[in-house]
Protein backbone atom coordinates (compact mmCIF):
# COMPACT_ATOMS: atom_id res chain seq x y z
CA UNK A 1 0.00 0.00 0.00
CA UNK A 2 2.79 2.45 0.87
CA UNK A 3 4.57 1.76 -2.46
CA UNK A 4 1.38 2.58 -4.36
CA UNK A 5 0.91 5.81 -2.39
CA UNK A 6 4.56 6.78 -2.97
CA UNK A 7 4.32 6.07 -6.71
CA UNK A 8 1.09 8.10 -6.98
CA UNK A 9 2.67 11.02 -5.13
CA UNK A 10 5.77 11.00 -7.36
CA UNK A 11 3.62 10.86 -10.50
CA UNK A 12 1.50 13.77 -9.32
CA UNK A 13 4.57 15.91 -8.58
CA UNK A 14 6.14 15.16 -11.97
CA UNK A 15 2.94 15.89 -13.89
CA UNK A 16 2.16 19.16 -12.13
CA UNK A 17 5.71 20.49 -12.37
CA UNK A 18 6.00 19.87 -16.12
CA UNK A 19 2.56 21.17 -17.07
CA UNK A 20 2.87 24.48 -15.23
CA UNK A 21 6.45 25.73 -15.48
CA UNK A 22 7.37 28.50 -13.13
CA UNK A 23 7.55 31.99 -14.69
CA UNK A 24 10.90 32.53 -12.96
CA UNK A 25 12.61 30.27 -15.51
CA UNK A 26 11.84 32.57 -18.42
CA UNK A 27 12.38 36.23 -19.07
CA UNK A 28 15.19 38.67 -18.53
CA UNK A 29 16.66 40.20 -15.42
CA UNK A 30 15.45 43.68 -16.40
CA UNK A 31 13.39 44.05 -13.25
CA UNK A 32 15.74 42.23 -10.84
CA UNK A 33 19.29 42.91 -12.02
CA UNK A 34 20.16 45.63 -9.54
CA UNK A 35 22.41 48.54 -10.28
CA UNK A 36 25.48 48.02 -12.46
CA UNK A 37 28.83 47.94 -10.65
CA UNK A 38 30.83 51.16 -10.42
CA UNK A 39 33.66 51.44 -12.90
CA UNK A 40 36.08 54.12 -14.08
CA UNK A 41 38.10 54.43 -17.27
CA UNK A 42 41.51 52.85 -16.63
CA UNK A 43 44.38 55.36 -16.49
CA UNK A 44 42.16 58.44 -16.03
CA UNK A 45 42.48 60.94 -13.15
CA UNK A 46 40.19 60.01 -10.22
CA UNK A 47 39.14 62.11 -7.24
CA UNK A 48 38.29 60.23 -4.02
CA UNK A 49 35.74 62.03 -1.87
CA UNK A 50 35.35 60.56 1.64
CA UNK A 51 32.54 61.63 3.96
CA UNK A 52 32.39 60.66 7.64
CA UNK A 53 28.67 60.23 8.37
CA UNK A 54 29.26 58.73 11.81
CA UNK A 55 29.21 60.42 15.23
CA UNK A 56 32.79 59.21 15.85
CA UNK A 57 36.33 59.84 14.63
CA UNK A 58 37.33 57.70 11.67
CA UNK A 59 40.86 56.99 10.53
CA UNK A 60 41.69 56.34 6.91
CA UNK A 61 44.77 55.68 4.89
CA UNK A 62 45.36 55.58 1.17
CA UNK A 63 47.81 52.75 0.68
CA UNK A 64 51.02 53.95 -1.01
CA UNK A 65 50.03 57.57 -0.64
CA UNK A 66 49.27 58.90 2.83
CA UNK A 67 49.79 58.25 6.49
CA UNK A 68 46.70 57.66 8.62
CA UNK A 69 44.34 60.65 8.50
CA UNK A 70 41.73 61.37 11.18
CA UNK A 71 38.33 62.35 9.84
CA UNK A 72 36.01 64.27 12.19
CA UNK A 73 32.26 63.48 12.34
CA UNK A 74 30.57 65.12 9.36
CA UNK A 75 33.89 66.03 7.71
CA UNK A 76 34.40 65.62 3.97
CA UNK A 77 37.87 64.99 2.55
CA UNK A 78 39.06 64.95 -1.07
CA UNK A 79 42.05 62.90 -2.15
CA UNK A 80 43.32 63.22 -5.71
CA UNK A 81 44.59 60.12 -7.43
CA UNK A 82 46.74 61.79 -10.07
CA UNK A 83 47.80 58.64 -11.88
CA UNK A 84 44.27 57.27 -12.19
CA UNK A 85 43.70 53.61 -11.49
CA UNK A 86 47.26 52.47 -12.14
CA UNK A 87 48.43 50.90 -9.92
CA UNK A 88 45.43 49.74 -7.88
CA UNK A 89 44.18 52.34 -5.39
CA UNK A 90 43.26 51.13 -1.91
CA UNK A 91 41.62 53.22 0.80
CA UNK A 92 41.61 51.54 4.22
CA UNK A 93 39.42 52.93 7.03
CA UNK A 94 38.63 52.04 10.63
CA UNK A 95 37.05 53.24 13.84
CA UNK A 96 39.51 53.20 16.77
CA UNK A 97 36.73 52.08 19.12
CA UNK A 98 36.30 48.91 17.05
CA UNK A 99 32.75 49.64 15.89
CA UNK A 100 31.75 48.49 12.40
CA UNK A 101 31.52 50.79 9.41
CA UNK A 102 29.62 50.59 6.14
CA UNK A 103 31.02 52.16 2.97
CA UNK A 104 28.40 53.50 0.56
CA UNK A 105 30.11 54.12 -2.78
CA UNK A 106 28.73 56.26 -5.58
CA UNK A 107 29.92 57.98 -8.72
CA UNK A 108 28.51 61.56 -8.74
CA UNK A 109 30.39 62.33 -11.97
CA UNK A 110 32.71 60.59 -14.42
CA UNK A 111 35.90 61.24 -12.39
CA UNK A 112 34.78 61.17 -8.74
CA UNK A 113 34.35 58.22 -6.41
CA UNK A 114 32.35 59.20 -3.34
CA UNK A 115 32.76 56.99 -0.26
CA UNK A 116 30.33 57.72 2.55
CA UNK A 117 31.21 55.99 5.80
CA UNK A 118 28.25 55.16 8.04
CA UNK A 119 27.87 53.19 11.27
CA UNK A 120 26.47 49.68 10.93
CA UNK A 121 25.57 46.77 13.19
CA UNK A 122 26.98 44.28 10.68
CA UNK A 123 30.16 42.64 11.95
CA UNK A 124 32.95 43.05 10.93
CA UNK A 125 31.65 45.69 8.50
CA UNK A 126 33.52 47.22 5.59
CA UNK A 127 37.23 47.95 5.91
CA UNK A 128 38.47 49.12 2.53
CA UNK A 129 37.56 50.38 -0.91
CA UNK A 130 39.74 49.32 -3.83
CA UNK A 131 39.85 50.78 -7.33
CA UNK A 132 41.44 48.13 -9.51
CA UNK A 133 43.69 48.95 -12.45
CA UNK A 134 40.88 47.86 -14.81
CA UNK A 135 38.61 50.56 -13.31
CA UNK A 136 36.35 48.33 -11.18
CA UNK A 137 35.49 49.36 -7.62
CA UNK A 138 35.33 46.79 -4.81
CA UNK A 139 34.28 47.26 -1.18
CA UNK A 140 35.76 44.84 1.37
C-alpha atoms as a PDB file:
ATOM      1  CA  UNK A   1       0.000   0.000   0.000  1.00  0.00           C
ATOM      2  CA  UNK A   2       2.786   2.454   0.870  1.00  0.00           C
ATOM      3  CA  UNK A   3       4.571   1.763  -2.455  1.00  0.00           C
ATOM      4  CA  UNK A   4       1.379   2.581  -4.364  1.00  0.00           C
ATOM      5  CA  UNK A   5       0.910   5.812  -2.391  1.00  0.00           C
ATOM      6  CA  UNK A   6       4.558   6.778  -2.965  1.00  0.00           C
ATOM      7  CA  UNK A   7       4.318   6.074  -6.715  1.00  0.00           C
ATOM      8  CA  UNK A   8       1.095   8.099  -6.979  1.00  0.00           C
ATOM      9  CA  UNK A   9       2.666  11.018  -5.129  1.00  0.00           C
ATOM     10  CA  UNK A  10       5.774  11.005  -7.360  1.00  0.00           C
ATOM     11  CA  UNK A  11       3.615  10.859 -10.502  1.00  0.00           C
ATOM     12  CA  UNK A  12       1.495  13.775  -9.318  1.00  0.00           C
ATOM     13  CA  UNK A  13       4.565  15.906  -8.579  1.00  0.00           C
ATOM     14  CA  UNK A  14       6.142  15.162 -11.965  1.00  0.00           C
ATOM     15  CA  UNK A  15       2.942  15.886 -13.886  1.00  0.00           C
ATOM     16  CA  UNK A  16       2.162  19.158 -12.134  1.00  0.00           C
ATOM     17  CA  UNK A  17       5.714  20.489 -12.370  1.00  0.00           C
ATOM     18  CA  UNK A  18       5.996  19.869 -16.123  1.00  0.00           C
ATOM     19  CA  UNK A  19       2.556  21.166 -17.069  1.00  0.00           C
ATOM     20  CA  UNK A  20       2.874  24.482 -15.231  1.00  0.00           C
ATOM     21  CA  UNK A  21       6.447  25.727 -15.479  1.00  0.00           C
ATOM     22  CA  UNK A  22       7.371  28.498 -13.128  1.00  0.00           C
ATOM     23  CA  UNK A  23       7.553  31.992 -14.688  1.00  0.00           C
ATOM     24  CA  UNK A  24      10.901  32.528 -12.964  1.00  0.00           C
ATOM     25  CA  UNK A  25      12.610  30.270 -15.509  1.00  0.00           C
ATOM     26  CA  UNK A  26      11.844  32.565 -18.417  1.00  0.00           C
ATOM     27  CA  UNK A  27      12.377  36.231 -19.074  1.00  0.00           C
ATOM     28  CA  UNK A  28      15.186  38.675 -18.527  1.00  0.00           C
ATOM     29  CA  UNK A  29      16.664  40.197 -15.424  1.00  0.00           C
ATOM     30  CA  UNK A  30      15.450  43.677 -16.400  1.00  0.00           C
ATOM     31  CA  UNK A  31      13.395  44.055 -13.249  1.00  0.00           C
ATOM     32  CA  UNK A  32      15.741  42.234 -10.844  1.00  0.00           C
ATOM     33  CA  UNK A  33      19.288  42.913 -12.024  1.00  0.00           C
ATOM     34  CA  UNK A  34      20.158  45.628  -9.542  1.00  0.00           C
ATOM     35  CA  UNK A  35      22.412  48.535 -10.280  1.00  0.00           C
ATOM     36  CA  UNK A  36      25.482  48.025 -12.461  1.00  0.00           C
ATOM     37  CA  UNK A  37      28.832  47.944 -10.651  1.00  0.00           C
ATOM     38  CA  UNK A  38      30.832  51.157 -10.424  1.00  0.00           C
ATOM     39  CA  UNK A  39      33.664  51.438 -12.904  1.00  0.00           C
ATOM     40  CA  UNK A  40      36.078  54.118 -14.079  1.00  0.00           C
ATOM     41  CA  UNK A  41      38.098  54.429 -17.269  1.00  0.00           C
ATOM     42  CA  UNK A  42      41.511  52.854 -16.627  1.00  0.00           C
ATOM     43  CA  UNK A  43      44.378  55.358 -16.487  1.00  0.00           C
ATOM     44  CA  UNK A  44      42.162  58.442 -16.033  1.00  0.00           C
ATOM     45  CA  UNK A  45      42.475  60.935 -13.155  1.00  0.00           C
ATOM     46  CA  UNK A  46      40.193  60.006 -10.220  1.00  0.00           C
ATOM     47  CA  UNK A  47      39.144  62.110  -7.236  1.00  0.00           C
ATOM     48  CA  UNK A  48      38.289  60.234  -4.025  1.00  0.00           C
ATOM     49  CA  UNK A  49      35.739  62.030  -1.869  1.00  0.00           C
ATOM     50  CA  UNK A  50      35.352  60.557   1.636  1.00  0.00           C
ATOM     51  CA  UNK A  51      32.536  61.630   3.961  1.00  0.00           C
ATOM     52  CA  UNK A  52      32.386  60.662   7.641  1.00  0.00           C
ATOM     53  CA  UNK A  53      28.666  60.225   8.368  1.00  0.00           C
ATOM     54  CA  UNK A  54      29.261  58.733  11.808  1.00  0.00           C
ATOM     55  CA  UNK A  55      29.213  60.420  15.228  1.00  0.00           C
ATOM     56  CA  UNK A  56      32.793  59.213  15.845  1.00  0.00           C
ATOM     57  CA  UNK A  57      36.332  59.844  14.635  1.00  0.00           C
ATOM     58  CA  UNK A  58      37.326  57.695  11.667  1.00  0.00           C
ATOM     59  CA  UNK A  59      40.857  56.989  10.531  1.00  0.00           C
ATOM     60  CA  UNK A  60      41.692  56.344   6.915  1.00  0.00           C
ATOM     61  CA  UNK A  61      44.766  55.685   4.890  1.00  0.00           C
ATOM     62  CA  UNK A  62      45.362  55.576   1.166  1.00  0.00           C
ATOM     63  CA  UNK A  63      47.806  52.748   0.678  1.00  0.00           C
ATOM     64  CA  UNK A  64      51.019  53.950  -1.010  1.00  0.00           C
ATOM     65  CA  UNK A  65      50.028  57.570  -0.645  1.00  0.00           C
ATOM     66  CA  UNK A  66      49.269  58.898   2.827  1.00  0.00           C
ATOM     67  CA  UNK A  67      49.792  58.254   6.493  1.00  0.00           C
ATOM     68  CA  UNK A  68      46.700  57.655   8.623  1.00  0.00           C
ATOM     69  CA  UNK A  69      44.342  60.654   8.497  1.00  0.00           C
ATOM     70  CA  UNK A  70      41.731  61.370  11.180  1.00  0.00           C
ATOM     71  CA  UNK A  71      38.329  62.352   9.836  1.00  0.00           C
ATOM     72  CA  UNK A  72      36.014  64.271  12.187  1.00  0.00           C
ATOM     73  CA  UNK A  73      32.259  63.477  12.344  1.00  0.00           C
ATOM     74  CA  UNK A  74      30.569  65.125   9.357  1.00  0.00           C
ATOM     75  CA  UNK A  75      33.887  66.031   7.711  1.00  0.00           C
ATOM     76  CA  UNK A  76      34.404  65.624   3.967  1.00  0.00           C
ATOM     77  CA  UNK A  77      37.867  64.993   2.546  1.00  0.00           C
ATOM     78  CA  UNK A  78      39.064  64.951  -1.073  1.00  0.00           C
ATOM     79  CA  UNK A  79      42.052  62.900  -2.154  1.00  0.00           C
ATOM     80  CA  UNK A  80      43.320  63.215  -5.711  1.00  0.00           C
ATOM     81  CA  UNK A  81      44.588  60.123  -7.426  1.00  0.00           C
ATOM     82  CA  UNK A  82      46.741  61.788 -10.068  1.00  0.00           C
ATOM     83  CA  UNK A  83      47.798  58.638 -11.881  1.00  0.00           C
ATOM     84  CA  UNK A  84      44.274  57.275 -12.189  1.00  0.00           C
ATOM     85  CA  UNK A  85      43.702  53.615 -11.490  1.00  0.00           C
ATOM     86  CA  UNK A  86      47.261  52.471 -12.136  1.00  0.00           C
ATOM     87  CA  UNK A  87      48.430  50.902  -9.917  1.00  0.00           C
ATOM     88  CA  UNK A  88      45.430  49.739  -7.878  1.00  0.00           C
ATOM     89  CA  UNK A  89      44.182  52.337  -5.387  1.00  0.00           C
ATOM     90  CA  UNK A  90      43.264  51.127  -1.908  1.00  0.00           C
ATOM     91  CA  UNK A  91      41.623  53.223   0.797  1.00  0.00           C
ATOM     92  CA  UNK A  92      41.612  51.540   4.216  1.00  0.00           C
ATOM     93  CA  UNK A  93      39.424  52.926   7.030  1.00  0.00           C
ATOM     94  CA  UNK A  94      38.626  52.039  10.630  1.00  0.00           C
ATOM     95  CA  UNK A  95      37.048  53.238  13.841  1.00  0.00           C
ATOM     96  CA  UNK A  96      39.514  53.196  16.774  1.00  0.00           C
ATOM     97  CA  UNK A  97      36.727  52.082  19.124  1.00  0.00           C
ATOM     98  CA  UNK A  98      36.297  48.906  17.052  1.00  0.00           C
ATOM     99  CA  UNK A  99      32.749  49.642  15.886  1.00  0.00           C
ATOM    100  CA  UNK A 100      31.753  48.495  12.397  1.00  0.00           C
ATOM    101  CA  UNK A 101      31.517  50.789   9.406  1.00  0.00           C
ATOM    102  CA  UNK A 102      29.617  50.589   6.141  1.00  0.00           C
ATOM    103  CA  UNK A 103      31.017  52.159   2.971  1.00  0.00           C
ATOM    104  CA  UNK A 104      28.397  53.500   0.564  1.00  0.00           C
ATOM    105  CA  UNK A 105      30.113  54.120  -2.775  1.00  0.00           C
ATOM    106  CA  UNK A 106      28.726  56.263  -5.582  1.00  0.00           C
ATOM    107  CA  UNK A 107      29.920  57.981  -8.722  1.00  0.00           C
ATOM    108  CA  UNK A 108      28.514  61.555  -8.737  1.00  0.00           C
ATOM    109  CA  UNK A 109      30.391  62.333 -11.968  1.00  0.00           C
ATOM    110  CA  UNK A 110      32.706  60.587 -14.419  1.00  0.00           C
ATOM    111  CA  UNK A 111      35.899  61.238 -12.394  1.00  0.00           C
ATOM    112  CA  UNK A 112      34.784  61.171  -8.736  1.00  0.00           C
ATOM    113  CA  UNK A 113      34.350  58.220  -6.413  1.00  0.00           C
ATOM    114  CA  UNK A 114      32.345  59.204  -3.339  1.00  0.00           C
ATOM    115  CA  UNK A 115      32.764  56.990  -0.264  1.00  0.00           C
ATOM    116  CA  UNK A 116      30.325  57.718   2.547  1.00  0.00           C
ATOM    117  CA  UNK A 117      31.214  55.992   5.801  1.00  0.00           C
ATOM    118  CA  UNK A 118      28.247  55.161   8.035  1.00  0.00           C
ATOM    119  CA  UNK A 119      27.873  53.193  11.265  1.00  0.00           C
ATOM    120  CA  UNK A 120      26.472  49.677  10.934  1.00  0.00           C
ATOM    121  CA  UNK A 121      25.566  46.773  13.192  1.00  0.00           C
ATOM    122  CA  UNK A 122      26.979  44.284  10.680  1.00  0.00           C
ATOM    123  CA  UNK A 123      30.158  42.638  11.946  1.00  0.00           C
ATOM    124  CA  UNK A 124      32.952  43.054  10.932  1.00  0.00           C
ATOM    125  CA  UNK A 125      31.646  45.690   8.497  1.00  0.00           C
ATOM    126  CA  UNK A 126      33.520  47.220   5.586  1.00  0.00           C
ATOM    127  CA  UNK A 127      37.226  47.952   5.913  1.00  0.00           C
ATOM    128  CA  UNK A 128      38.470  49.122   2.532  1.00  0.00           C
ATOM    129  CA  UNK A 129      37.556  50.382  -0.914  1.00  0.00           C
ATOM    130  CA  UNK A 130      39.737  49.323  -3.828  1.00  0.00           C
ATOM    131  CA  UNK A 131      39.846  50.783  -7.330  1.00  0.00           C
ATOM    132  CA  UNK A 132      41.442  48.133  -9.506  1.00  0.00           C
ATOM    133  CA  UNK A 133      43.692  48.947 -12.454  1.00  0.00           C
ATOM    134  CA  UNK A 134      40.878  47.860 -14.813  1.00  0.00           C
ATOM    135  CA  UNK A 135      38.609  50.565 -13.312  1.00  0.00           C
ATOM    136  CA  UNK A 136      36.345  48.326 -11.178  1.00  0.00           C
ATOM    137  CA  UNK A 137      35.491  49.360  -7.620  1.00  0.00           C
ATOM    138  CA  UNK A 138      35.327  46.792  -4.805  1.00  0.00           C
ATOM    139  CA  UNK A 139      34.283  47.256  -1.178  1.00  0.00           C
ATOM    140  CA  UNK A 140      35.762  44.838   1.370  1.00  0.00           C
END
